[in-house]
């Protein structure tokens, strides 16, 4: 296996620039989403009321106003971020549409630096 193959992730992750980050809402609390994949998300949760392993209904609201309903299950904390698993996953077409929107608005170079 080459070094490139070893660094390849099994899924695409979309990182959001400041001002473009979606909101994750659950039980009346909003969290900022910094990274989104089909089956997981990284949220800023410094004072989160979320408990590891507890599944909750949630809604992602993109900057376009589009809402995606799912369930989240917090799986781990990394510094000020919490990683949540999504059930059902966010459709890949939704993530790709959001990536296209960001590429048009910011360009490839800007998004690469996030």
N, C-alpha and C. Protein backbone atom coordinates (compact mmCIF):
# COMPACT_ATOMS: atom_id res chain seq x y z
N UNK A 1 0.85 -1.17 0.00
CA UNK A 1 0.00 0.00 0.00
C UNK A 1 0.90 1.24 0.00
N UNK A 2 0.63 2.19 -0.89
CA UNK A 2 1.43 3.42 -0.95
C UNK A 2 1.02 4.37 0.17
N UNK A 3 1.84 5.38 0.40
CA UNK A 3 1.54 6.37 1.43
C UNK A 3 0.22 7.08 1.12
N UNK A 4 -0.02 7.35 -0.15
CA UNK A 4 -1.25 8.01 -0.55
C UNK A 4 -2.46 7.15 -0.19
N UNK A 5 -2.38 5.85 -0.46
CA UNK A 5 -3.48 4.95 -0.13
C UNK A 5 -3.70 4.89 1.38
N UNK A 6 -2.64 4.92 2.15
CA UNK A 6 -2.75 4.87 3.59
C UNK A 6 -3.38 6.12 4.18
N UNK A 7 -3.23 7.26 3.51
CA UNK A 7 -3.81 8.51 3.99
C UNK A 7 -5.22 8.76 3.48
N UNK A 8 -5.69 7.95 2.57
CA UNK A 8 -7.01 8.13 1.97
C UNK A 8 -8.09 7.77 2.98
N UNK A 9 -9.08 8.62 3.11
CA UNK A 9 -10.17 8.35 4.04
C UNK A 9 -11.26 7.56 3.34
N UNK A 10 -12.02 6.82 4.11
CA UNK A 10 -13.09 6.02 3.56
C UNK A 10 -14.30 6.83 3.15
N UNK A 11 -14.37 8.09 3.56
CA UNK A 11 -15.51 8.93 3.23
C UNK A 11 -15.07 10.37 3.03
N UNK A 12 -15.85 11.10 2.30
CA UNK A 12 -15.56 12.51 2.03
C UNK A 12 -16.01 13.36 3.20
N UNK A 13 -15.18 14.30 3.62
CA UNK A 13 -15.53 15.23 4.70
C UNK A 13 -15.45 16.64 4.18
N UNK A 14 -16.51 17.39 4.37
CA UNK A 14 -16.57 18.77 3.93
C UNK A 14 -16.32 19.68 5.12
N UNK A 15 -15.24 20.48 5.03
CA UNK A 15 -14.94 21.48 6.06
C UNK A 15 -15.52 22.81 5.62
N UNK A 16 -16.08 23.54 6.56
CA UNK A 16 -16.78 24.78 6.24
C UNK A 16 -15.97 26.01 6.64
N UNK A 17 -15.93 27.03 5.77
CA UNK A 17 -15.29 28.29 6.15
C UNK A 17 -16.16 29.02 7.18
N UNK A 18 -15.53 29.91 7.95
CA UNK A 18 -16.29 30.72 8.90
C UNK A 18 -17.37 31.48 8.15
N UNK A 19 -18.52 31.59 8.74
CA UNK A 19 -19.63 32.28 8.12
C UNK A 19 -20.46 31.38 7.23
N UNK A 20 -19.99 30.19 6.93
CA UNK A 20 -20.71 29.25 6.08
C UNK A 20 -21.07 27.97 6.85
N UNK A 21 -20.74 27.94 8.13
CA UNK A 21 -20.94 26.72 8.90
C UNK A 21 -22.42 26.49 9.19
N UNK A 22 -22.88 25.27 8.92
CA UNK A 22 -24.26 24.93 9.23
C UNK A 22 -24.51 24.92 10.73
N UNK A 23 -25.77 24.88 11.08
CA UNK A 23 -26.18 24.79 12.48
C UNK A 23 -26.80 23.41 12.69
N UNK A 24 -26.46 22.78 13.80
CA UNK A 24 -27.09 21.53 14.20
C UNK A 24 -27.96 21.85 15.40
N UNK A 25 -29.24 21.59 15.31
CA UNK A 25 -30.18 21.88 16.40
C UNK A 25 -30.73 20.58 16.96
N UNK A 26 -30.70 20.48 18.28
CA UNK A 26 -31.30 19.35 18.96
C UNK A 26 -31.78 19.79 20.34
N UNK A 27 -32.98 19.45 20.67
CA UNK A 27 -33.59 19.79 21.97
C UNK A 27 -33.43 21.26 22.33
N UNK A 28 -33.64 22.14 21.35
CA UNK A 28 -33.61 23.57 21.60
C UNK A 28 -32.23 24.19 21.74
N UNK A 29 -31.18 23.41 21.49
CA UNK A 29 -29.81 23.91 21.56
C UNK A 29 -29.20 23.86 20.16
N UNK A 30 -28.52 24.93 19.77
CA UNK A 30 -27.86 25.01 18.47
C UNK A 30 -26.36 24.85 18.63
N UNK A 31 -25.76 24.07 17.73
CA UNK A 31 -24.32 23.84 17.70
C UNK A 31 -23.79 24.19 16.31
N UNK A 32 -22.59 24.73 16.25
CA UNK A 32 -21.95 25.04 14.98
C UNK A 32 -21.28 23.80 14.43
N UNK A 33 -21.51 23.52 13.16
CA UNK A 33 -20.92 22.37 12.48
C UNK A 33 -19.68 22.84 11.72
N UNK A 34 -18.52 22.25 12.02
CA UNK A 34 -17.28 22.65 11.34
C UNK A 34 -16.88 21.67 10.25
N UNK A 35 -17.41 20.44 10.31
CA UNK A 35 -17.08 19.42 9.32
C UNK A 35 -18.25 18.46 9.21
N UNK A 36 -18.55 18.05 7.97
CA UNK A 36 -19.69 17.16 7.76
C UNK A 36 -19.31 16.05 6.78
N UNK A 37 -19.63 14.82 7.16
CA UNK A 37 -19.49 13.66 6.28
C UNK A 37 -20.87 13.01 6.20
N UNK A 38 -21.01 12.02 5.35
CA UNK A 38 -22.31 11.37 5.22
C UNK A 38 -22.79 10.79 6.55
N UNK A 39 -21.89 10.16 7.28
CA UNK A 39 -22.32 9.46 8.49
C UNK A 39 -21.82 10.07 9.79
N UNK A 40 -21.20 11.26 9.73
CA UNK A 40 -20.72 11.89 10.96
C UNK A 40 -20.56 13.40 10.77
N UNK A 41 -20.42 14.09 11.89
CA UNK A 41 -20.19 15.53 11.86
C UNK A 41 -19.32 15.91 13.05
N UNK A 42 -18.57 16.99 12.87
CA UNK A 42 -17.77 17.57 13.95
C UNK A 42 -18.45 18.88 14.32
N UNK A 43 -18.84 19.01 15.58
CA UNK A 43 -19.53 20.22 16.03
C UNK A 43 -18.73 20.87 17.15
N UNK A 44 -18.90 22.19 17.28
CA UNK A 44 -18.29 22.90 18.41
C UNK A 44 -19.24 22.72 19.58
N UNK A 45 -18.75 22.11 20.62
CA UNK A 45 -19.60 21.77 21.76
C UNK A 45 -18.85 21.97 23.06
N UNK A 46 -18.40 23.21 23.32
CA UNK A 46 -17.61 23.47 24.52
C UNK A 46 -18.43 23.28 25.79
N UNK A 47 -19.70 23.62 25.75
CA UNK A 47 -20.56 23.42 26.91
C UNK A 47 -21.76 22.57 26.50
N UNK A 48 -21.47 21.51 25.83
CA UNK A 48 -22.52 20.67 25.27
C UNK A 48 -23.34 19.98 26.35
N UNK A 49 -24.61 19.88 26.06
CA UNK A 49 -25.50 19.13 26.93
C UNK A 49 -25.69 17.72 26.40
N UNK A 50 -24.84 17.36 25.45
CA UNK A 50 -24.93 16.05 24.80
C UNK A 50 -24.15 15.02 25.59
N UNK A 51 -24.68 13.80 25.64
CA UNK A 51 -23.99 12.72 26.33
C UNK A 51 -23.56 11.66 25.32
N UNK A 52 -22.35 11.18 25.49
CA UNK A 52 -21.82 10.13 24.62
C UNK A 52 -22.77 8.93 24.65
N UNK A 53 -23.11 8.44 23.45
CA UNK A 53 -23.94 7.25 23.34
C UNK A 53 -25.45 7.49 23.38
N UNK A 54 -25.89 8.71 23.68
CA UNK A 54 -27.33 8.99 23.74
C UNK A 54 -27.81 9.54 22.40
N UNK A 55 -28.72 8.83 21.76
CA UNK A 55 -29.25 9.20 20.44
C UNK A 55 -30.34 10.26 20.60
N UNK A 56 -30.25 11.30 19.74
CA UNK A 56 -31.21 12.41 19.79
C UNK A 56 -31.65 12.79 18.39
N UNK A 57 -32.89 13.25 18.25
CA UNK A 57 -33.36 13.80 16.99
C UNK A 57 -32.64 15.13 16.77
N UNK A 58 -32.29 15.43 15.51
CA UNK A 58 -31.54 16.65 15.22
C UNK A 58 -31.86 17.13 13.80
N UNK A 59 -31.61 18.42 13.57
CA UNK A 59 -31.80 19.03 12.26
C UNK A 59 -30.56 19.86 11.93
N UNK A 60 -29.99 19.60 10.75
CA UNK A 60 -28.93 20.45 10.21
C UNK A 60 -29.60 21.54 9.39
N UNK A 61 -29.19 22.78 9.59
CA UNK A 61 -29.67 23.88 8.76
C UNK A 61 -28.45 24.47 8.06
N UNK A 62 -28.42 24.32 6.72
CA UNK A 62 -27.33 24.86 5.92
C UNK A 62 -27.52 26.36 5.74
N UNK A 63 -26.48 27.07 5.33
CA UNK A 63 -26.56 28.51 5.11
C UNK A 63 -27.57 28.87 4.02
N UNK A 64 -27.90 27.94 3.17
CA UNK A 64 -28.90 28.17 2.12
C UNK A 64 -30.32 28.10 2.68
N UNK A 65 -30.45 27.66 3.93
CA UNK A 65 -31.76 27.50 4.55
C UNK A 65 -32.28 26.07 4.46
N UNK A 66 -31.63 25.24 3.66
CA UNK A 66 -32.04 23.85 3.54
C UNK A 66 -31.86 23.14 4.88
N UNK A 67 -32.85 22.32 5.23
CA UNK A 67 -32.78 21.56 6.47
C UNK A 67 -32.72 20.07 6.17
N UNK A 68 -31.90 19.37 6.95
CA UNK A 68 -31.72 17.93 6.82
C UNK A 68 -32.00 17.32 8.20
N UNK A 69 -33.01 16.47 8.26
CA UNK A 69 -33.41 15.83 9.52
C UNK A 69 -32.69 14.50 9.66
N UNK A 70 -32.19 14.23 10.86
CA UNK A 70 -31.49 12.99 11.14
C UNK A 70 -31.54 12.73 12.64
N UNK A 71 -30.84 11.71 13.09
CA UNK A 71 -30.61 11.48 14.51
C UNK A 71 -29.11 11.51 14.71
N UNK A 72 -28.69 12.05 15.84
CA UNK A 72 -27.26 12.07 16.16
C UNK A 72 -26.98 11.20 17.37
N UNK A 73 -25.78 10.66 17.38
CA UNK A 73 -25.30 9.94 18.56
C UNK A 73 -23.88 10.41 18.82
N UNK A 74 -23.69 11.22 19.87
CA UNK A 74 -22.33 11.66 20.21
C UNK A 74 -21.43 10.46 20.48
N UNK A 75 -20.25 10.46 19.85
CA UNK A 75 -19.35 9.31 20.01
C UNK A 75 -18.06 9.63 20.74
N UNK A 76 -17.54 10.87 20.58
CA UNK A 76 -16.31 11.22 21.29
C UNK A 76 -16.11 12.73 21.30
N UNK A 77 -15.23 13.17 22.20
CA UNK A 77 -14.88 14.58 22.31
C UNK A 77 -13.41 14.73 21.93
N UNK A 78 -13.12 15.74 21.10
CA UNK A 78 -11.75 16.08 20.70
C UNK A 78 -11.55 17.56 20.97
N UNK A 79 -10.95 17.89 22.10
CA UNK A 79 -10.77 19.29 22.48
C UNK A 79 -12.12 19.95 22.69
N UNK A 80 -12.40 21.03 21.95
CA UNK A 80 -13.68 21.72 22.06
C UNK A 80 -14.72 21.16 21.10
N UNK A 81 -14.34 20.16 20.33
CA UNK A 81 -15.25 19.58 19.34
C UNK A 81 -15.81 18.25 19.83
N UNK A 82 -17.02 17.97 19.36
CA UNK A 82 -17.63 16.67 19.61
C UNK A 82 -17.91 16.03 18.26
N UNK A 83 -17.64 14.75 18.16
CA UNK A 83 -17.92 13.99 16.95
C UNK A 83 -19.23 13.26 17.18
N UNK A 84 -20.16 13.41 16.23
CA UNK A 84 -21.45 12.75 16.33
C UNK A 84 -21.66 11.86 15.10
N UNK A 85 -22.25 10.70 15.33
CA UNK A 85 -22.61 9.80 14.25
C UNK A 85 -24.04 10.12 13.84
N UNK A 86 -24.32 10.01 12.53
CA UNK A 86 -25.63 10.37 12.00
C UNK A 86 -26.39 9.13 11.55
N UNK A 87 -27.66 9.03 11.95
CA UNK A 87 -28.54 7.91 11.57
C UNK A 87 -29.90 8.49 11.19
N UNK A 88 -30.36 8.49 9.99
CA UNK A 88 -29.68 8.01 8.81
C UNK A 88 -28.60 9.00 8.38
N UNK A 89 -27.70 8.56 7.53
CA UNK A 89 -26.65 9.45 7.05
C UNK A 89 -27.22 10.58 6.19
N UNK A 90 -26.45 11.66 6.08
CA UNK A 90 -26.80 12.74 5.17
C UNK A 90 -26.53 12.24 3.75
N UNK A 91 -27.47 12.41 2.84
CA UNK A 91 -27.23 11.94 1.47
C UNK A 91 -25.99 12.60 0.85
N UNK A 92 -25.17 11.79 0.18
CA UNK A 92 -23.95 12.31 -0.42
C UNK A 92 -24.27 13.44 -1.41
N UNK A 93 -25.39 13.35 -2.11
CA UNK A 93 -25.74 14.40 -3.07
C UNK A 93 -25.92 15.75 -2.38
N UNK A 94 -26.39 15.75 -1.14
CA UNK A 94 -26.55 17.01 -0.39
C UNK A 94 -25.19 17.60 -0.03
N UNK A 95 -24.26 16.74 0.37
CA UNK A 95 -22.91 17.21 0.72
C UNK A 95 -22.20 17.72 -0.53
N UNK A 96 -22.34 17.02 -1.64
CA UNK A 96 -21.70 17.44 -2.88
C UNK A 96 -22.29 18.76 -3.39
N UNK A 97 -23.60 18.95 -3.24
CA UNK A 97 -24.24 20.20 -3.66
C UNK A 97 -23.71 21.36 -2.81
N UNK A 98 -23.53 21.12 -1.53
CA UNK A 98 -22.99 22.16 -0.65
C UNK A 98 -21.54 22.46 -1.01
N UNK A 99 -20.77 21.44 -1.34
CA UNK A 99 -19.38 21.65 -1.75
C UNK A 99 -19.33 22.48 -3.04
N UNK A 100 -20.19 22.17 -4.00
CA UNK A 100 -20.23 22.95 -5.24
C UNK A 100 -20.55 24.41 -4.97
N UNK A 101 -21.50 24.65 -4.09
CA UNK A 101 -21.88 26.02 -3.73
C UNK A 101 -20.68 26.77 -3.14
N UNK A 102 -19.96 26.10 -2.24
CA UNK A 102 -18.80 26.74 -1.59
C UNK A 102 -17.66 26.96 -2.59
N UNK A 103 -17.45 26.01 -3.50
CA UNK A 103 -16.41 26.18 -4.52
C UNK A 103 -16.71 27.37 -5.43
N UNK A 104 -17.95 27.53 -5.81
CA UNK A 104 -18.34 28.67 -6.65
C UNK A 104 -18.12 29.98 -5.90
N UNK A 105 -18.48 30.00 -4.63
CA UNK A 105 -18.38 31.23 -3.84
C UNK A 105 -16.95 31.57 -3.45
N UNK A 106 -16.12 30.56 -3.07
CA UNK A 106 -14.80 30.82 -2.51
C UNK A 106 -13.64 30.37 -3.38
N UNK A 107 -13.85 29.42 -4.26
CA UNK A 107 -12.76 28.89 -5.07
C UNK A 107 -12.03 27.77 -4.35
N UNK A 108 -11.35 26.96 -5.15
CA UNK A 108 -10.67 25.77 -4.64
C UNK A 108 -9.55 26.12 -3.65
N UNK A 109 -8.76 27.12 -3.97
CA UNK A 109 -7.60 27.49 -3.12
C UNK A 109 -8.04 27.89 -1.71
N UNK A 110 -9.09 28.69 -1.64
CA UNK A 110 -9.59 29.15 -0.33
C UNK A 110 -10.09 27.98 0.50
N UNK A 111 -10.83 27.09 -0.11
CA UNK A 111 -11.37 25.94 0.63
C UNK A 111 -10.28 24.97 1.05
N UNK A 112 -9.22 24.87 0.27
CA UNK A 112 -8.12 23.99 0.60
C UNK A 112 -7.42 24.42 1.89
N UNK A 113 -7.42 25.74 2.16
CA UNK A 113 -6.70 26.28 3.31
C UNK A 113 -7.48 26.17 4.63
N UNK A 114 -8.67 25.64 4.59
CA UNK A 114 -9.48 25.55 5.82
C UNK A 114 -8.91 24.47 6.71
